[in-house]
Full PDB file with SEQRES, HELIX, SHEET, SSBOND, CRYST1, ORIGX, SCALE, CONECT and MASTER records, all heavy atoms in Angstrom:
SEQRES   1 A   41  TYR ASN THR ILE ALA ASN ASP ALA ARG GLN ALA TYR ASP          
SEQRES   2 A   41  VAL ILE THR GLY ILE LYS ALA VAL ASP SER SER LEU ALA          
SEQRES   3 A   41  LEU LEU ALA LEU SER GLY ALA PRO ILE VAL GLU GLN ALA          
SEQRES   4 A   41  ARG ALA                                                      
HELIX    1 AA1 ASN A    2  ASN A    6  1                                   5    
HELIX    2 AA2 ALA A    8  VAL A   21  1                                  14    
HELIX    3 AA3 PRO A   34  ARG A   40  1                                   7    
CRYST1    1.000    1.000    1.000  90.00  90.00  90.00 P 1           1          
ORIGX1      1.000000  0.000000  0.000000        0.00000                         
ORIGX2      0.000000  1.000000  0.000000        0.00000                         
ORIGX3      0.000000  0.000000  1.000000        0.00000                         
SCALE1      1.000000  0.000000  0.000000        0.00000                         
SCALE2      0.000000  1.000000  0.000000        0.00000                         
SCALE3      0.000000  0.000000  1.000000        0.00000                         
ATOM      1  N   TYR A   1      14.107  -2.828   6.270  1.00  0.00           N  
ATOM      2  CA  TYR A   1      14.123  -3.041   4.815  1.00  0.00           C  
ATOM      3  C   TYR A   1      13.269  -4.242   4.437  1.00  0.00           C  
ATOM      4  O   TYR A   1      12.432  -4.175   3.519  1.00  0.00           O  
ATOM      5  CB  TYR A   1      15.571  -3.256   4.382  1.00  0.00           C  
ATOM      6  CG  TYR A   1      15.799  -3.484   2.902  1.00  0.00           C  
ATOM      7  CD1 TYR A   1      16.128  -2.423   2.060  1.00  0.00           C  
ATOM      8  CD2 TYR A   1      15.740  -4.761   2.348  1.00  0.00           C  
ATOM      9  CE1 TYR A   1      16.385  -2.625   0.711  1.00  0.00           C  
ATOM     10  CE2 TYR A   1      15.991  -4.969   1.002  1.00  0.00           C  
ATOM     11  CZ  TYR A   1      16.309  -3.903   0.185  1.00  0.00           C  
ATOM     12  OH  TYR A   1      16.552  -4.117  -1.150  1.00  0.00           O  
ATOM     13  N   ASN A   2      13.480  -5.356   5.143  1.00  0.00           N  
ATOM     14  CA  ASN A   2      12.747  -6.578   4.823  1.00  0.00           C  
ATOM     15  C   ASN A   2      11.272  -6.486   5.194  1.00  0.00           C  
ATOM     16  O   ASN A   2      10.412  -7.028   4.488  1.00  0.00           O  
ATOM     17  CB  ASN A   2      13.393  -7.770   5.532  1.00  0.00           C  
ATOM     18  CG  ASN A   2      14.757  -8.110   4.962  1.00  0.00           C  
ATOM     19  OD1 ASN A   2      14.980  -8.020   3.759  1.00  0.00           O  
ATOM     20  ND2 ASN A   2      15.695  -8.481   5.827  1.00  0.00           N  
ATOM     21  N   THR A   3      10.960  -5.786   6.289  1.00  0.00           N  
ATOM     22  CA  THR A   3       9.561  -5.663   6.703  1.00  0.00           C  
ATOM     23  C   THR A   3       8.760  -4.825   5.719  1.00  0.00           C  
ATOM     24  O   THR A   3       7.680  -5.229   5.269  1.00  0.00           O  
ATOM     25  CB  THR A   3       9.470  -5.045   8.113  1.00  0.00           C  
ATOM     26  OG1 THR A   3      10.083  -5.930   9.055  1.00  0.00           O  
ATOM     27  CG2 THR A   3       8.016  -4.831   8.511  1.00  0.00           C  
ATOM     28  N   ILE A   4       9.279  -3.650   5.367  1.00  0.00           N  
ATOM     29  CA  ILE A   4       8.498  -2.768   4.493  1.00  0.00           C  
ATOM     30  C   ILE A   4       8.413  -3.287   3.067  1.00  0.00           C  
ATOM     31  O   ILE A   4       7.588  -2.813   2.280  1.00  0.00           O  
ATOM     32  CB  ILE A   4       9.022  -1.323   4.503  1.00  0.00           C  
ATOM     33  CG1 ILE A   4      10.427  -1.228   3.893  1.00  0.00           C  
ATOM     34  CG2 ILE A   4       8.997  -0.759   5.922  1.00  0.00           C  
ATOM     35  CD1 ILE A   4      10.912   0.207   3.714  1.00  0.00           C  
ATOM     36  N   ALA A   5       9.252  -4.267   2.721  1.00  0.00           N  
ATOM     37  CA  ALA A   5       9.145  -4.866   1.389  1.00  0.00           C  
ATOM     38  C   ALA A   5       7.747  -5.417   1.165  1.00  0.00           C  
ATOM     39  O   ALA A   5       7.209  -5.360   0.045  1.00  0.00           O  
ATOM     40  CB  ALA A   5      10.176  -5.975   1.225  1.00  0.00           C  
ATOM     41  N   ASN A   6       7.109  -5.927   2.248  1.00  0.00           N  
ATOM     42  CA  ASN A   6       5.796  -6.558   2.114  1.00  0.00           C  
ATOM     43  C   ASN A   6       4.723  -5.995   3.045  1.00  0.00           C  
ATOM     44  O   ASN A   6       3.540  -6.245   2.823  1.00  0.00           O  
ATOM     45  CB  ASN A   6       5.935  -8.060   2.380  1.00  0.00           C  
ATOM     46  CG  ASN A   6       6.821  -8.757   1.360  1.00  0.00           C  
ATOM     47  OD1 ASN A   6       6.424  -8.949   0.220  1.00  0.00           O  
ATOM     48  ND2 ASN A   6       8.037  -9.104   1.772  1.00  0.00           N  
ATOM     49  N   ASP A   7       5.122  -5.285   4.080  1.00  0.00           N  
ATOM     50  CA  ASP A   7       4.180  -4.726   5.056  1.00  0.00           C  
ATOM     51  C   ASP A   7       3.733  -3.348   4.581  1.00  0.00           C  
ATOM     52  O   ASP A   7       4.472  -2.370   4.698  1.00  0.00           O  
ATOM     53  CB  ASP A   7       4.855  -4.639   6.428  1.00  0.00           C  
ATOM     54  CG  ASP A   7       3.913  -4.198   7.540  1.00  0.00           C  
ATOM     55  OD1 ASP A   7       3.110  -3.267   7.315  1.00  0.00           O  
ATOM     56  OD2 ASP A   7       3.989  -4.762   8.645  1.00  0.00           O  
ATOM     57  N   ALA A   8       2.527  -3.257   4.063  1.00  0.00           N  
ATOM     58  CA  ALA A   8       2.046  -2.019   3.449  1.00  0.00           C  
ATOM     59  C   ALA A   8       1.944  -0.875   4.446  1.00  0.00           C  
ATOM     60  O   ALA A   8       2.177   0.287   4.093  1.00  0.00           O  
ATOM     61  CB  ALA A   8       0.700  -2.255   2.779  1.00  0.00           C  
ATOM     62  N   ARG A   9       1.592  -1.179   5.706  1.00  0.00           N  
ATOM     63  CA  ARG A   9       1.454  -0.107   6.696  1.00  0.00           C  
ATOM     64  C   ARG A   9       2.792   0.528   7.031  1.00  0.00           C  
ATOM     65  O   ARG A   9       2.949   1.752   6.984  1.00  0.00           O  
ATOM     66  CB  ARG A   9       0.781  -0.659   7.959  1.00  0.00           C  
ATOM     67  CG  ARG A   9       0.270   0.435   8.916  1.00  0.00           C  
ATOM     68  CD  ARG A   9       1.316   0.962   9.869  1.00  0.00           C  
ATOM     69  NE  ARG A   9       1.766  -0.034  10.818  1.00  0.00           N  
ATOM     70  CZ  ARG A   9       2.717   0.187  11.727  1.00  0.00           C  
ATOM     71  NH1 ARG A   9       3.339   1.364  11.783  1.00  0.00           N  
ATOM     72  NH2 ARG A   9       3.102  -0.787  12.553  1.00  0.00           N  
ATOM     73  N   GLN A  10       3.787  -0.314   7.350  1.00  0.00           N  
ATOM     74  CA  GLN A  10       5.092   0.260   7.667  1.00  0.00           C  
ATOM     75  C   GLN A  10       5.734   0.893   6.433  1.00  0.00           C  
ATOM     76  O   GLN A  10       6.440   1.898   6.528  1.00  0.00           O  
ATOM     77  CB  GLN A  10       6.016  -0.803   8.280  1.00  0.00           C  
ATOM     78  CG  GLN A  10       5.626  -1.194   9.697  1.00  0.00           C  
ATOM     79  CD  GLN A  10       6.773  -1.820  10.478  1.00  0.00           C  
ATOM     80  OE1 GLN A  10       7.938  -1.446  10.310  1.00  0.00           O  
ATOM     81  NE2 GLN A  10       6.452  -2.770  11.355  1.00  0.00           N  
ATOM     82  N   ALA A  11       5.493   0.321   5.273  1.00  0.00           N  
ATOM     83  CA  ALA A  11       5.986   0.922   4.036  1.00  0.00           C  
ATOM     84  C   ALA A  11       5.395   2.311   3.848  1.00  0.00           C  
ATOM     85  O   ALA A  11       6.107   3.266   3.499  1.00  0.00           O  
ATOM     86  CB  ALA A  11       5.639   0.037   2.845  1.00  0.00           C  
ATOM     87  N   TYR A  12       4.089   2.426   4.107  1.00  0.00           N  
ATOM     88  CA  TYR A  12       3.424   3.734   3.987  1.00  0.00           C  
ATOM     89  C   TYR A  12       4.062   4.745   4.932  1.00  0.00           C  
ATOM     90  O   TYR A  12       4.265   5.913   4.571  1.00  0.00           O  
ATOM     91  CB  TYR A  12       1.933   3.585   4.298  1.00  0.00           C  
ATOM     92  CG  TYR A  12       1.192   4.897   4.378  1.00  0.00           C  
ATOM     93  CD1 TYR A  12       0.729   5.533   3.225  1.00  0.00           C  
ATOM     94  CD2 TYR A  12       0.978   5.522   5.608  1.00  0.00           C  
ATOM     95  CE1 TYR A  12       0.066   6.751   3.298  1.00  0.00           C  
ATOM     96  CE2 TYR A  12       0.317   6.738   5.689  1.00  0.00           C  
ATOM     97  CZ  TYR A  12      -0.142   7.350   4.535  1.00  0.00           C  
ATOM     98  OH  TYR A  12      -0.790   8.566   4.613  1.00  0.00           O  
ATOM     99  N   ASP A  13       4.395   4.312   6.141  1.00  0.00           N  
ATOM    100  CA  ASP A  13       4.986   5.218   7.121  1.00  0.00           C  
ATOM    101  C   ASP A  13       6.354   5.720   6.666  1.00  0.00           C  
ATOM    102  O   ASP A  13       6.664   6.910   6.780  1.00  0.00           O  
ATOM    103  CB  ASP A  13       5.126   4.512   8.473  1.00  0.00           C  
ATOM    104  CG  ASP A  13       3.789   4.105   9.066  1.00  0.00           C  
ATOM    105  OD1 ASP A  13       2.763   4.680   8.663  1.00  0.00           O  
ATOM    106  OD2 ASP A  13       3.779   3.198   9.919  1.00  0.00           O  
ATOM    107  N   VAL A  14       7.174   4.827   6.134  1.00  0.00           N  
ATOM    108  CA  VAL A  14       8.492   5.227   5.644  1.00  0.00           C  
ATOM    109  C   VAL A  14       8.349   6.152   4.441  1.00  0.00           C  
ATOM    110  O   VAL A  14       9.032   7.180   4.342  1.00  0.00           O  
ATOM    111  CB  VAL A  14       9.343   3.996   5.295  1.00  0.00           C  
ATOM    112  CG1 VAL A  14      10.621   4.399   4.555  1.00  0.00           C  
ATOM    113  CG2 VAL A  14       9.689   3.220   6.563  1.00  0.00           C  
ATOM    114  N   ILE A  15       7.470   5.814   3.523  1.00  0.00           N  
ATOM    115  CA  ILE A  15       7.222   6.660   2.352  1.00  0.00           C  
ATOM    116  C   ILE A  15       6.750   8.045   2.787  1.00  0.00           C  
ATOM    117  O   ILE A  15       7.207   9.072   2.273  1.00  0.00           O  
ATOM    118  CB  ILE A  15       6.175   6.000   1.424  1.00  0.00           C  
ATOM    119  CG1 ILE A  15       6.758   4.736   0.786  1.00  0.00           C  
ATOM    120  CG2 ILE A  15       5.704   6.971   0.342  1.00  0.00           C  
ATOM    121  CD1 ILE A  15       5.723   3.839   0.130  1.00  0.00           C  
ATOM    122  N   THR A  16       5.831   8.084   3.753  1.00  0.00           N  
ATOM    123  CA  THR A  16       5.312   9.353   4.265  1.00  0.00           C  
ATOM    124  C   THR A  16       6.426  10.185   4.886  1.00  0.00           C  
ATOM    125  O   THR A  16       6.506  11.407   4.671  1.00  0.00           O  
ATOM    126  CB  THR A  16       4.211   9.095   5.304  1.00  0.00           C  
ATOM    127  OG1 THR A  16       3.137   8.383   4.693  1.00  0.00           O  
ATOM    128  CG2 THR A  16       3.674  10.401   5.891  1.00  0.00           C  
ATOM    129  N   GLY A  17       7.311   9.524   5.651  1.00  0.00           N  
ATOM    130  CA  GLY A  17       8.424  10.231   6.265  1.00  0.00           C  
ATOM    131  C   GLY A  17       9.375  10.809   5.240  1.00  0.00           C  
ATOM    132  O   GLY A  17       9.839  11.952   5.369  1.00  0.00           O  
ATOM    133  N   ILE A  18       9.683  10.032   4.208  1.00  0.00           N  
ATOM    134  CA  ILE A  18      10.572  10.510   3.148  1.00  0.00           C  
ATOM    135  C   ILE A  18       9.974  11.731   2.461  1.00  0.00           C  
ATOM    136  O   ILE A  18      10.634  12.764   2.279  1.00  0.00           O  
ATOM    137  CB  ILE A  18      10.844   9.400   2.118  1.00  0.00           C  
ATOM    138  CG1 ILE A  18      11.639   8.259   2.750  1.00  0.00           C  
ATOM    139  CG2 ILE A  18      11.599   9.962   0.900  1.00  0.00           C  
ATOM    140  CD1 ILE A  18      11.764   7.023   1.871  1.00  0.00           C  
ATOM    141  N   LYS A  19       8.698  11.639   2.090  1.00  0.00           N  
ATOM    142  CA  LYS A  19       8.042  12.735   1.376  1.00  0.00           C  
ATOM    143  C   LYS A  19       7.944  13.982   2.236  1.00  0.00           C  
ATOM    144  O   LYS A  19       7.982  15.107   1.721  1.00  0.00           O  
ATOM    145  CB  LYS A  19       6.661  12.298   0.894  1.00  0.00           C  
ATOM    146  CG  LYS A  19       6.709  11.236  -0.205  1.00  0.00           C  
ATOM    147  CD  LYS A  19       5.326  10.796  -0.641  1.00  0.00           C  
ATOM    148  CE  LYS A  19       4.595  11.910  -1.355  1.00  0.00           C  
ATOM    149  NZ  LYS A  19       3.279  11.472  -1.867  1.00  0.00           N  
ATOM    150  N   ALA A  20       7.818  13.800   3.548  1.00  0.00           N  
ATOM    151  CA  ALA A  20       7.727  14.953   4.445  1.00  0.00           C  
ATOM    152  C   ALA A  20       9.037  15.738   4.477  1.00  0.00           C  
ATOM    153  O   ALA A  20       9.037  16.956   4.683  1.00  0.00           O  
ATOM    154  CB  ALA A  20       7.365  14.496   5.858  1.00  0.00           C  
ATOM    155  N   VAL A  21      10.144  15.042   4.262  1.00  0.00           N  
ATOM    156  CA  VAL A  21      11.448  15.704   4.261  1.00  0.00           C  
ATOM    157  C   VAL A  21      11.768  16.268   2.888  1.00  0.00           C  
ATOM    158  O   VAL A  21      12.087  17.437   2.722  1.00  0.00           O  
ATOM    159  CB  VAL A  21      12.564  14.723   4.699  1.00  0.00           C  
ATOM    160  CG1 VAL A  21      13.934  15.408   4.622  1.00  0.00           C  
ATOM    161  CG2 VAL A  21      12.312  14.213   6.101  1.00  0.00           C  
ATOM    162  N   ASP A  22      11.686  15.403   1.865  1.00  0.00           N  
ATOM    163  CA  ASP A  22      12.053  15.812   0.511  1.00  0.00           C  
ATOM    164  C   ASP A  22      11.547  14.761  -0.472  1.00  0.00           C  
ATOM    165  O   ASP A  22      12.112  13.669  -0.570  1.00  0.00           O  
ATOM    166  CB  ASP A  22      13.569  15.955   0.397  1.00  0.00           C  
ATOM    167  CG  ASP A  22      14.033  16.445  -0.970  1.00  0.00           C  
ATOM    168  OD1 ASP A  22      13.191  16.558  -1.885  1.00  0.00           O  
ATOM    169  OD2 ASP A  22      15.243  16.701  -1.125  1.00  0.00           O  
ATOM    170  N   SER A  23      10.504  15.087  -1.194  1.00  0.00           N  
ATOM    171  CA  SER A  23       9.892  14.115  -2.112  1.00  0.00           C  
ATOM    172  C   SER A  23      10.773  13.804  -3.316  1.00  0.00           C  
ATOM    173  O   SER A  23      10.474  12.887  -4.084  1.00  0.00           O  
ATOM    174  CB  SER A  23       8.529  14.622  -2.594  1.00  0.00           C  
ATOM    175  OG  SER A  23       8.662  15.855  -3.276  1.00  0.00           O  
ATOM    176  N   SER A  24      11.869  14.545  -3.494  1.00  0.00           N  
ATOM    177  CA  SER A  24      12.778  14.245  -4.605  1.00  0.00           C  
ATOM    178  C   SER A  24      13.779  13.146  -4.246  1.00  0.00           C  
ATOM    179  O   SER A  24      14.502  12.658  -5.113  1.00  0.00           O  
ATOM    180  CB  SER A  24      13.544  15.504  -5.029  1.00  0.00           C  
ATOM    181  OG  SER A  24      14.525  15.861  -4.068  1.00  0.00           O  
ATOM    182  N   LEU A  25      13.820  12.741  -2.971  1.00  0.00           N  
ATOM    183  CA  LEU A  25      14.712  11.657  -2.572  1.00  0.00           C  
ATOM    184  C   LEU A  25      14.227  10.340  -3.174  1.00  0.00           C  
ATOM    185  O   LEU A  25      13.055  10.002  -3.067  1.00  0.00           O  
ATOM    186  CB  LEU A  25      14.753  11.530  -1.049  1.00  0.00           C  
ATOM    187  CG  LEU A  25      15.389  12.683  -0.267  1.00  0.00           C  
ATOM    188  CD1 LEU A  25      15.159  12.482   1.227  1.00  0.00           C  
ATOM    189  CD2 LEU A  25      16.877  12.799  -0.583  1.00  0.00           C  
ATOM    190  N   ALA A  26      15.138   9.605  -3.791  1.00  0.00           N  
ATOM    191  CA  ALA A  26      14.788   8.292  -4.344  1.00  0.00           C  
ATOM    192  C   ALA A  26      14.756   7.264  -3.216  1.00  0.00           C  
ATOM    193  O   ALA A  26      15.366   7.447  -2.164  1.00  0.00           O  
ATOM    194  CB  ALA A  26      15.802   7.884  -5.399  1.00  0.00           C  
ATOM    195  N   LEU A  27      14.026   6.180  -3.432  1.00  0.00           N  
ATOM    196  CA  LEU A  27      13.986   5.069  -2.495  1.00  0.00           C  
ATOM    197  C   LEU A  27      14.670   3.874  -3.132  1.00  0.00           C  
ATOM    198  O   LEU A  27      14.300   3.446  -4.222  1.00  0.00           O  
ATOM    199  CB  LEU A  27      12.543   4.711  -2.138  1.00  0.00           C  
ATOM    200  CG  LEU A  27      12.358   3.465  -1.260  1.00  0.00           C  
ATOM    201  CD1 LEU A  27      12.937   3.692   0.132  1.00  0.00           C  
ATOM    202  CD2 LEU A  27      10.883   3.075  -1.173  1.00  0.00           C  
ATOM    203  N   LEU A  28      15.666   3.328  -2.465  1.00  0.00           N  
ATOM    204  CA  LEU A  28      16.345   2.118  -2.918  1.00  0.00           C  
ATOM    205  C   LEU A  28      15.657   0.943  -2.241  1.00  0.00           C  
ATOM    206  O   LEU A  28      15.608   0.861  -1.014  1.00  0.00           O  
ATOM    207  CB  LEU A  28      17.821   2.179  -2.533  1.00  0.00           C  
ATOM    208  CG  LEU A  28      18.782   1.158  -3.137  1.00  0.00           C  
ATOM    209  CD1 LEU A  28      18.728   1.182  -4.659  1.00  0.00           C  
ATOM    210  CD2 LEU A  28      20.212   1.441  -2.665  1.00  0.00           C  
ATOM    211  N   ALA A  29      15.079   0.032  -3.050  1.00  0.00           N  
ATOM    212  CA  ALA A  29      14.215  -1.013  -2.496  1.00  0.00           C  
ATOM    213  C   ALA A  29      14.500  -2.375  -3.127  1.00  0.00           C  
ATOM    214  O   ALA A  29      15.112  -2.473  -4.193  1.00  0.00           O  
ATOM    215  CB  ALA A  29      12.753  -0.634  -2.701  1.00  0.00           C  
ATOM    216  N   LEU A  30      14.004  -3.416  -2.456  1.00  0.00           N  
ATOM    217  CA  LEU A  30      14.196  -4.787  -2.910  1.00  0.00           C  
ATOM    218  C   LEU A  30      13.445  -5.041  -4.216  1.00  0.00           C  
ATOM    219  O   LEU A  30      12.228  -4.860  -4.301  1.00  0.00           O  
ATOM    220  CB  LEU A  30      13.701  -5.757  -1.832  1.00  0.00           C  
ATOM    221  CG  LEU A  30      13.837  -7.246  -2.141  1.00  0.00           C  
ATOM    222  CD1 LEU A  30      15.303  -7.650  -2.249  1.00  0.00           C  
ATOM    223  CD2 LEU A  30      13.147  -8.068  -1.053  1.00  0.00           C  
ATOM    224  N   SER A  31      14.150  -5.480  -5.206  1.00  0.00           N  
ATOM    225  CA  SER A  31      13.561  -5.741  -6.512  1.00  0.00           C  
ATOM    226  C   SER A  31      12.408  -6.742  -6.410  1.00  0.00           C  
ATOM    227  O   SER A  31      12.513  -7.770  -5.750  1.00  0.00           O  
ATOM    228  CB  SER A  31      14.627  -6.304  -7.454  1.00  0.00           C  
ATOM    229  OG  SER A  31      14.083  -6.601  -8.725  1.00  0.00           O  
ATOM    230  N   GLY A  32      11.300  -6.399  -7.045  1.00  0.00           N  
ATOM    231  CA  GLY A  32      10.153  -7.298  -7.104  1.00  0.00           C  
ATOM    232  C   GLY A  32       9.227  -7.248  -5.914  1.00  0.00           C  
ATOM    233  O   GLY A  32       8.160  -7.870  -5.932  1.00  0.00           O  
ATOM    234  N   ALA A  33       9.583  -6.522  -4.864  1.00  0.00           N  
ATOM    235  CA  ALA A  33       8.756  -6.462  -3.659  1.00  0.00           C  
ATOM    236  C   ALA A  33       7.579  -5.498  -3.853  1.00  0.00           C  
ATOM    237  O   ALA A  33       7.671  -4.537  -4.625  1.00  0.00           O  
ATOM    238  CB  ALA A  33       9.591  -6.024  -2.460  1.00  0.00           C  
ATOM    239  N   PRO A  34       6.461  -5.724  -3.148  1.00  0.00           N  
ATOM    240  CA  PRO A  34       5.286  -4.848  -3.278  1.00  0.00           C  
ATOM    241  C   PRO A  34       5.567  -3.372  -3.011  1.00  0.00           C  
ATOM    242  O   PRO A  34       4.915  -2.505  -3.585  1.00  0.00           O  
ATOM    243  CB  PRO A  34       4.321  -5.423  -2.236  1.00  0.00           C  
ATOM    244  CG  PRO A  34       4.673  -6.868  -2.162  1.00  0.00           C  
ATOM    245  CD  PRO A  34       6.164  -6.912  -2.311  1.00  0.00           C  
ATOM    246  N   ILE A  35       6.562  -3.070  -2.159  1.00  0.00           N  
ATOM    247  CA  ILE A  35       6.838  -1.673  -1.851  1.00  0.00           C  
ATOM    248  C   ILE A  35       7.262  -0.884  -3.083  1.00  0.00           C  
ATOM    249  O   ILE A  35       7.070   0.328  -3.149  1.00  0.00           O  
ATOM    250  CB  ILE A  35       7.915  -1.533  -0.750  1.00  0.00           C  
ATOM    251  CG1 ILE A  35       7.991  -0.070  -0.291  1.00  0.00           C  
ATOM    252  CG2 ILE A  35       9.256  -2.054  -1.220  1.00  0.00           C  
ATOM    253  CD1 ILE A  35       8.938   0.199   0.845  1.00  0.00           C  
ATOM    254  N   VAL A  36       7.814  -1.562  -4.082  1.00  0.00           N  
ATOM    255  CA  VAL A  36       8.271  -0.862  -5.279  1.00  0.00           C  
ATOM    256  C   VAL A  36       7.109  -0.127  -5.938  1.00  0.00           C  
ATOM    257  O   VAL A  36       7.173   1.083  -6.193  1.00  0.00           O  
ATOM    258  CB  VAL A  36       8.941  -1.835  -6.270  1.00  0.00           C  
ATOM    259  CG1 VAL A  36       9.257  -1.119  -7.585  1.00  0.00           C  
ATOM    260  CG2 VAL A  36      10.208  -2.426  -5.665  1.00  0.00           C  
ATOM    261  N   GLU A  37       6.017  -0.829  -6.193  1.00  0.00           N  
ATOM    262  CA  GLU A  37       4.863  -0.197  -6.820  1.00  0.00           C  
ATOM    263  C   GLU A  37       4.138   0.744  -5.851  1.00  0.00           C  
ATOM    264  O   GLU A  37       3.600   1.765  -6.263  1.00  0.00           O  
ATOM    265  CB  GLU A  37       3.900  -1.256  -7.353  1.00  0.00           C  
ATOM    266  CG  GLU A  37       4.468  -2.044  -8.530  1.00  0.00           C  
ATOM    267  CD  GLU A  37       4.977  -1.133  -9.643  1.00  0.00           C  
ATOM    268  OE1 GLU A  37       4.283  -0.132  -9.966  1.00  0.00           O  
ATOM    269  OE2 GLU A  37       6.060  -1.399 -10.187  1.00  0.00           O  
ATOM    270  N   GLN A  38       4.121   0.392  -4.564  1.00  0.00           N  
ATOM    271  CA  GLN A  38       3.474   1.252  -3.575  1.00  0.00           C  
ATOM    272  C   GLN A  38       4.159   2.623  -3.515  1.00  0.00           C  
ATOM    273  O   GLN A  38       3.487   3.668  -3.496  1.00  0.00           O  
ATOM    274  CB  GLN A  38       3.511   0.592  -2.192  1.00  0.00           C  
ATOM    275  CG  GLN A  38       2.774   1.392  -1.110  1.00  0.00           C  
ATOM    276  CD  GLN A  38       2.803   0.699   0.242  1.00  0.00           C  
ATOM    277  OE1 GLN A  38       3.267  -0.441   0.367  1.00  0.00           O  
ATOM    278  NE2 GLN A  38       2.306   1.363   1.260  1.00  0.00           N  
ATOM    279  N   ALA A  39       5.472   2.626  -3.499  1.00  0.00           N  
ATOM    280  CA  ALA A  39       6.209   3.884  -3.422  1.00  0.00           C  
ATOM    281  C   ALA A  39       6.105   4.678  -4.722  1.00  0.00           C  
ATOM    282  O   ALA A  39       5.988   5.908  -4.705  1.00  0.00           O  
ATOM    283  CB  ALA A  39       7.669   3.618  -3.073  1.00  0.00           C  
ATOM    284  N   ARG A  40       6.139   3.974  -5.851  1.00  0.00           N  
ATOM    285  CA  ARG A  40       5.996   4.670  -7.130  1.00  0.00           C  
ATOM    286  C   ARG A  40       4.608   5.302  -7.249  1.00  0.00           C  
ATOM    287  O   ARG A  40       4.466   6.423  -7.738  1.00  0.00           O  
ATOM    288  CB  ARG A  40       6.256   3.695  -8.282  1.00  0.00           C  
ATOM    289  CG  ARG A  40       7.736   3.385  -8.480  1.00  0.00           C  
ATOM    290  CD  ARG A  40       7.986   2.306  -9.512  1.00  0.00           C  
ATOM    291  NE  ARG A  40       9.425   2.115  -9.740  1.00  0.00           N  
ATOM    292  CZ  ARG A  40       9.971   1.076 -10.333  1.00  0.00           C  
ATOM    293  NH1 ARG A  40       9.184   0.085 -10.791  1.00  0.00           N  
ATOM    294  NH2 ARG A  40      11.273   0.979 -10.491  1.00  0.00           N  
ATOM    295  N   ALA A  41       3.577   4.588  -6.784  1.00  0.00           N  
ATOM    296  CA  ALA A  41       2.221   5.132  -6.817  1.00  0.00           C  
ATOM    297  C   ALA A  41       2.095   6.359  -5.929  1.00  0.00           C  
ATOM    298  O   ALA A  41       1.274   7.253  -6.190  1.00  0.00           O  
ATOM    299  CB  ALA A  41       1.223   4.061  -6.377  1.00  0.00           C  
TER     300      ALA A  41                                                      
MASTER        0    0    0    3    0    0    0    6  299    1    0    4          
END                                                                             
């Protein structure tokens, strides 16, 4: 959780994994962290 908040590569991997299973799944993330906009994009 803490790593992907700021690590764009690992965040991308988690986002990719989620979308591969079900893109309708929401992501619960740390408020204000870069992953928020990365996942929304």
